[in-house]
Amino acid sequence: MPAYTPPLYLPEPSVPHSPAEKKRVTTRLRRIQGQALALERAVNEGTECGALLQQLAALRGAATGLMAEVLESHLRETFLQSAQGGRPGATIEPEAEIDQIMRIVRSYLK
């Protein structure tokens, strides 16, 4: 008799599948938008380069953090469901999925 294997329970995807998560991501995007607008104002006001660079770094950090969160959610959803025997409605093979993810990551790292 084969040993019992408990089912694999997937954690709730973190971005942005539930209304609460969509709201959280939207809030982050609005914060990033506010940072971009503040940067534009600083440029128009002739703010010194050091301060602009600091604002740019903050903006990039916010975008990078959001991208990491979305990427992690996508990877968990894709590969944990794959480990369960496939995703419902999946049309992309795992190898193609990895290629697609890597294209996104590489384009961001340029």
Protein backbone atom coordinates (compact mmCIF):
# COMPACT_ATOMS: atom_id res chain seq x y z
CA MET A 1 0.00 0.00 0.00
CA PRO A 2 1.53 3.40 -1.00
CA ALA A 3 2.24 5.95 1.72
CA TYR A 4 -0.22 8.78 2.14
CA THR A 5 0.97 12.04 0.63
CA PRO A 6 -0.87 15.10 1.95
CA PRO A 7 -2.07 17.55 -0.71
CA LEU A 8 0.04 20.60 -1.44
CA TYR A 9 -1.82 23.71 -0.36
CA LEU A 10 -0.93 26.83 -2.27
CA PRO A 11 -0.47 30.05 -0.38
CA GLU A 12 -2.77 32.85 -1.44
CA PRO A 13 -1.08 34.63 -4.37
CA SER A 14 0.29 37.94 -3.17
CA VAL A 15 -0.30 40.19 -6.19
CA PRO A 16 -2.96 41.27 -7.18
CA HIS A 17 -5.62 38.59 -7.16
CA SER A 18 -7.80 39.55 -4.21
CA PRO A 19 -9.49 42.94 -3.82
CA ALA A 20 -7.31 43.69 -0.77
CA GLU A 21 -4.14 42.88 -2.70
CA LYS A 22 -5.24 44.95 -5.69
CA LYS A 23 -5.83 47.87 -3.35
CA ARG A 24 -2.38 47.42 -1.77
CA VAL A 25 -0.65 47.29 -5.16
CA THR A 26 -2.65 50.28 -6.40
CA THR A 27 -1.56 52.22 -3.32
CA ARG A 28 2.07 51.38 -4.06
CA LEU A 29 1.66 52.44 -7.68
CA ARG A 30 0.16 55.75 -6.60
CA ARG A 31 3.10 56.29 -4.27
CA ILE A 32 5.47 55.63 -7.17
CA GLN A 33 3.46 58.03 -9.33
CA GLY A 34 3.77 60.66 -6.59
CA GLN A 35 7.53 60.14 -6.49
CA ALA A 36 7.72 60.62 -10.27
CA LEU A 37 5.68 63.82 -10.10
CA ALA A 38 7.87 65.14 -7.28
CA LEU A 39 10.94 64.37 -9.37
CA GLU A 40 9.47 66.26 -12.32
CA ARG A 41 8.77 69.27 -10.09
CA ALA A 42 12.31 69.12 -8.72
CA VAL A 43 13.77 69.15 -12.24
CA ASN A 44 11.57 72.10 -13.24
CA GLU A 45 12.61 73.98 -10.10
CA GLY A 46 16.30 73.44 -10.80
CA THR A 47 17.02 71.23 -7.81
CA GLU A 48 20.66 70.24 -7.43
CA CYS A 49 21.84 66.99 -9.06
CA GLY A 50 22.59 65.25 -5.75
CA ALA A 51 19.01 65.65 -4.56
CA LEU A 52 17.68 64.53 -7.95
CA LEU A 53 19.85 61.43 -7.85
CA GLN A 54 18.55 60.63 -4.38
CA GLN A 55 14.95 60.95 -5.60
CA LEU A 56 15.74 58.80 -8.64
CA ALA A 57 17.23 56.12 -6.42
CA ALA A 58 14.10 56.13 -4.25
CA LEU A 59 11.88 55.88 -7.32
CA ARG A 60 13.91 53.02 -8.75
CA GLY A 61 13.87 51.24 -5.38
CA ALA A 62 10.09 51.50 -5.19
CA ALA A 63 9.68 50.14 -8.74
CA THR A 64 12.19 47.36 -8.09
CA GLY A 65 10.41 46.36 -4.89
CA LEU A 66 7.07 46.18 -6.67
CA MET A 67 8.57 44.20 -9.53
CA ALA A 68 10.14 41.72 -7.08
CA GLU A 69 6.80 41.25 -5.35
CA VAL A 70 4.91 40.66 -8.60
CA LEU A 71 7.63 38.33 -9.88
CA GLU A 72 7.63 36.32 -6.66
CA SER A 73 3.87 35.98 -6.78
CA HIS A 74 4.01 34.87 -10.41
CA LEU A 75 6.74 32.33 -9.74
CA ARG A 76 4.96 30.89 -6.71
CA GLU A 77 1.66 30.66 -8.54
CA THR A 78 3.20 29.17 -11.68
CA PHE A 79 5.56 26.65 -10.17
CA LEU A 80 3.59 25.59 -7.11
CA GLN A 81 0.57 24.89 -9.28
CA SER A 82 2.84 23.12 -11.73
CA ALA A 83 4.08 20.92 -8.89
CA GLN A 84 0.46 19.96 -8.24
CA GLY A 85 0.12 18.64 -11.74
CA GLY A 86 -0.60 21.68 -13.81
CA ARG A 87 -2.39 24.96 -13.76
CA PRO A 88 -6.02 25.09 -14.75
CA GLY A 89 -6.25 26.58 -18.21
CA ALA A 90 -2.47 26.69 -18.62
CA THR A 91 -1.37 26.90 -22.21
CA ILE A 92 2.35 27.62 -21.75
CA GLU A 93 4.85 24.83 -21.17
CA PRO A 94 7.18 25.23 -18.13
CA GLU A 95 10.24 25.83 -20.33
CA ALA A 96 8.43 28.55 -22.29
CA GLU A 97 7.21 30.06 -19.01
CA ILE A 98 10.79 30.29 -17.74
CA ASP A 99 11.91 31.87 -21.02
CA GLN A 100 9.13 34.43 -20.77
CA ILE A 101 10.02 35.32 -17.17
CA MET A 102 13.70 35.62 -18.01
CA ARG A 103 12.93 37.98 -20.92
CA ILE A 104 11.06 40.22 -18.49
CA VAL A 105 13.84 40.12 -15.89
CA ARG A 106 16.58 40.75 -18.47
CA SER A 107 14.71 43.70 -20.00
CA TYR A 108 14.38 45.23 -16.55
CA LEU A 109 18.06 44.75 -15.72
CA LYS A 110 19.25 46.60 -18.84
